[in-house]
Protein backbone atom coordinates (compact mmCIF):
# COMPACT_ATOMS: atom_id res chain seq x y z
CA UNK A 1 19.83 -32.31 43.92
CA UNK A 2 16.79 -34.45 43.34
CA UNK A 3 14.94 -31.46 42.06
CA UNK A 4 17.79 -30.56 39.57
CA UNK A 5 17.80 -34.14 38.26
CA UNK A 6 13.99 -34.14 37.92
CA UNK A 7 14.21 -30.77 35.83
CA UNK A 8 17.03 -32.40 33.67
CA UNK A 9 14.79 -35.25 32.78
CA UNK A 10 11.65 -33.02 32.08
CA UNK A 11 13.94 -30.82 29.88
CA UNK A 12 15.27 -33.83 27.87
CA UNK A 13 11.60 -35.10 27.42
CA UNK A 14 10.58 -31.70 26.14
CA UNK A 15 13.39 -31.58 23.57
CA UNK A 16 12.72 -35.17 22.28
CA UNK A 17 9.07 -34.29 21.63
CA UNK A 18 9.30 -31.22 19.40
CA UNK A 19 5.72 -30.13 19.38
CA UNK A 20 6.28 -27.51 16.62
CA UNK A 21 6.94 -30.02 13.98
CA UNK A 22 3.88 -32.26 14.78
CA UNK A 23 1.34 -33.37 12.20
CA UNK A 24 -1.59 -31.06 11.21
CA UNK A 25 -4.32 -30.53 13.66
CA UNK A 26 -7.41 -32.73 13.26
CA UNK A 27 -9.35 -29.75 11.52
CA UNK A 28 -6.65 -29.78 8.81
CA UNK A 29 -5.24 -26.55 10.12
CA UNK A 30 -1.56 -26.65 8.98
CA UNK A 31 1.01 -26.11 11.78
CA UNK A 32 3.88 -23.52 11.35
CA UNK A 33 7.05 -25.41 10.43
CA UNK A 34 9.07 -22.31 9.70
CA UNK A 35 9.87 -19.62 12.26
CA UNK A 36 10.94 -17.16 9.55
CA UNK A 37 7.75 -15.05 9.93
CA UNK A 38 7.49 -15.23 13.69
CA UNK A 39 9.31 -11.90 14.13
CA UNK A 40 7.73 -8.56 14.74
CA UNK A 41 6.77 -6.78 11.58
CA UNK A 42 4.86 -3.73 10.38
CA UNK A 43 1.47 -4.14 8.63
CA UNK A 44 0.40 -1.40 6.34
CA UNK A 45 -3.29 -1.38 5.64
CA UNK A 46 -5.78 0.75 3.68
CA UNK A 47 -7.70 2.44 6.34
CA UNK A 48 -10.04 4.57 4.37
CA UNK A 49 -11.24 5.70 0.99
CA UNK A 50 -12.93 9.08 1.23
CA UNK A 51 -15.01 10.81 -1.56
CA UNK A 52 -16.10 14.42 -1.26
CA UNK A 53 -18.90 15.24 -1.88
CA UNK A 54 -20.37 11.89 -0.78
CA UNK A 55 -22.48 11.87 -4.11
CA UNK A 56 -20.66 13.68 -6.87
CA UNK A 57 -22.47 15.17 -9.79
CA UNK A 58 -21.76 14.11 -13.32
CA UNK A 59 -19.36 16.25 -14.98
CA UNK A 60 -17.99 17.84 -11.86
CA UNK A 61 -14.76 17.15 -10.17
CA UNK A 62 -14.63 15.24 -6.79
CA UNK A 63 -12.06 14.85 -4.14
CA UNK A 64 -10.54 11.38 -3.59
CA UNK A 65 -8.59 10.83 -0.30
CA UNK A 66 -6.93 7.56 0.54
CA UNK A 67 -5.54 6.87 4.05
CA UNK A 68 -3.20 4.09 5.21
CA UNK A 69 -2.33 2.84 8.61
CA UNK A 70 0.42 0.91 10.12
CA UNK A 71 -1.33 -1.61 12.48
CA UNK A 72 1.97 -3.51 13.13
CA UNK A 73 3.98 -2.96 16.20
CA UNK A 74 7.15 -1.64 14.56
CA UNK A 75 7.83 1.24 12.00
CA UNK A 76 7.09 0.33 8.39
CA UNK A 77 9.26 1.00 5.38
CA UNK A 78 8.23 2.97 2.32
CA UNK A 79 5.50 1.92 0.00
CA UNK A 80 3.77 2.63 -3.20
CA UNK A 81 -0.05 3.15 -3.79
CA UNK A 82 -1.80 2.22 -6.89
CA UNK A 83 -5.25 3.77 -7.54
CA UNK A 84 -7.59 3.18 -10.29
CA UNK A 85 -11.25 4.34 -11.07
CA UNK A 86 -13.42 2.36 -13.32
CA UNK A 87 -16.92 3.25 -14.64
CA UNK A 88 -19.83 0.81 -14.58
CA UNK A 89 -18.72 -0.69 -18.01
CA UNK A 90 -15.26 -1.53 -16.49
CA UNK A 91 -13.51 1.23 -18.52
CA UNK A 92 -10.61 2.76 -16.60
CA UNK A 93 -11.24 6.48 -16.21
CA UNK A 94 -8.30 7.19 -13.98
CA UNK A 95 -5.08 5.45 -13.15
CA UNK A 96 -2.24 6.66 -10.90
CA UNK A 97 0.58 5.52 -8.78
CA UNK A 98 2.39 7.40 -5.96
CA UNK A 99 5.36 6.58 -3.86
CA UNK A 100 5.08 7.35 -0.14
CA UNK A 101 8.56 8.44 0.92
CA UNK A 102 7.74 8.48 4.63
CA UNK A 103 7.36 5.50 6.82
CA UNK A 104 4.56 5.09 9.28
CA UNK A 105 5.14 4.44 13.08
CA UNK A 106 3.04 1.86 14.77
CA UNK A 107 -0.60 2.98 14.99
CA UNK A 108 0.08 5.94 12.75
CA UNK A 109 -2.50 6.89 10.05
CA UNK A 110 -1.36 9.03 7.12
CA UNK A 111 -2.83 10.39 3.97
CA UNK A 112 -1.43 8.33 1.19
CA UNK A 113 -3.16 9.90 -1.85
CA UNK A 114 -5.30 12.86 -2.62
CA UNK A 115 -6.72 14.21 -5.82
CA UNK A 116 -9.24 16.70 -6.82
CA UNK A 117 -8.86 16.25 -10.45
CA UNK A 118 -11.20 13.19 -10.72
CA UNK A 119 -14.62 13.38 -12.43
CA UNK A 120 -17.31 11.07 -13.50
CA UNK A 121 -18.65 12.37 -16.92
CA UNK A 122 -21.68 10.09 -17.07
CA UNK A 123 -24.01 9.20 -14.20
CA UNK A 124 -23.63 5.77 -12.68
CA UNK A 125 -21.44 3.74 -10.48
CA UNK A 126 -17.69 4.04 -10.44
CA UNK A 127 -15.42 1.67 -8.51
CA UNK A 128 -12.34 3.09 -6.75
CA UNK A 129 -9.57 0.37 -6.36
CA UNK A 130 -6.43 0.78 -4.32
CA UNK A 131 -3.43 -1.37 -3.83
CA UNK A 132 -0.51 -0.81 -1.46
CA UNK A 133 2.83 -2.32 -2.49
CA UNK A 134 5.51 -2.30 0.32
CA UNK A 135 9.08 -2.20 -0.52
CA UNK A 136 12.10 -2.38 1.78
CA UNK A 137 10.25 -4.23 4.39
CA UNK A 138 8.07 -7.33 4.83
CA UNK A 139 4.30 -6.62 5.39
CA UNK A 140 2.97 -9.09 7.84
CA UNK A 141 -0.52 -9.15 6.26
CA UNK A 142 -0.90 -8.64 2.44
CA UNK A 143 -4.70 -9.43 2.70
CA UNK A 144 -5.45 -5.84 3.80
CA UNK A 145 -3.26 -4.13 1.20
CA UNK A 146 -6.15 -4.10 -1.28
CA UNK A 147 -9.46 -2.14 -0.94
CA UNK A 148 -12.24 -0.79 -3.27
CA UNK A 149 -15.25 1.52 -2.86
CA UNK A 150 -18.36 2.05 -5.04
CA UNK A 151 -19.13 5.69 -5.79
CA UNK A 152 -22.50 6.66 -7.15
CA UNK A 153 -22.33 9.58 -9.60
CA UNK A 154 -25.59 11.46 -10.23
């Protein structure tokens, strides 16, 4: 009986002092005050931008493959992929958008975009930029939904 009474007192003390809503930590790290994002979510990230051949020749087509991976612990929803290629002057030489109609399982990597119609007409550096836009689900980390790669065309 004494043990049960002690547990009741400790429980009430814990409820009175709600540690989740305390002030920020001394290092100005804000504490989570909303538990809305504490659930388990998918996380789509760009896991690779592949160019073949590694050093394309000016005026010749090269292959661009983009891979995405779900590093979350539940199945993702559908997502769009926006791809652009800019030359060294910032001129857009390619722009494309594709919709991925297949979700990714946890840990699964999939080819999200592939094109062999790209070419750099003049030698120099080209920048490939990719963005993933999730829809129908909440992505747990939007910071890894963008990536870029510099390609040297000879």
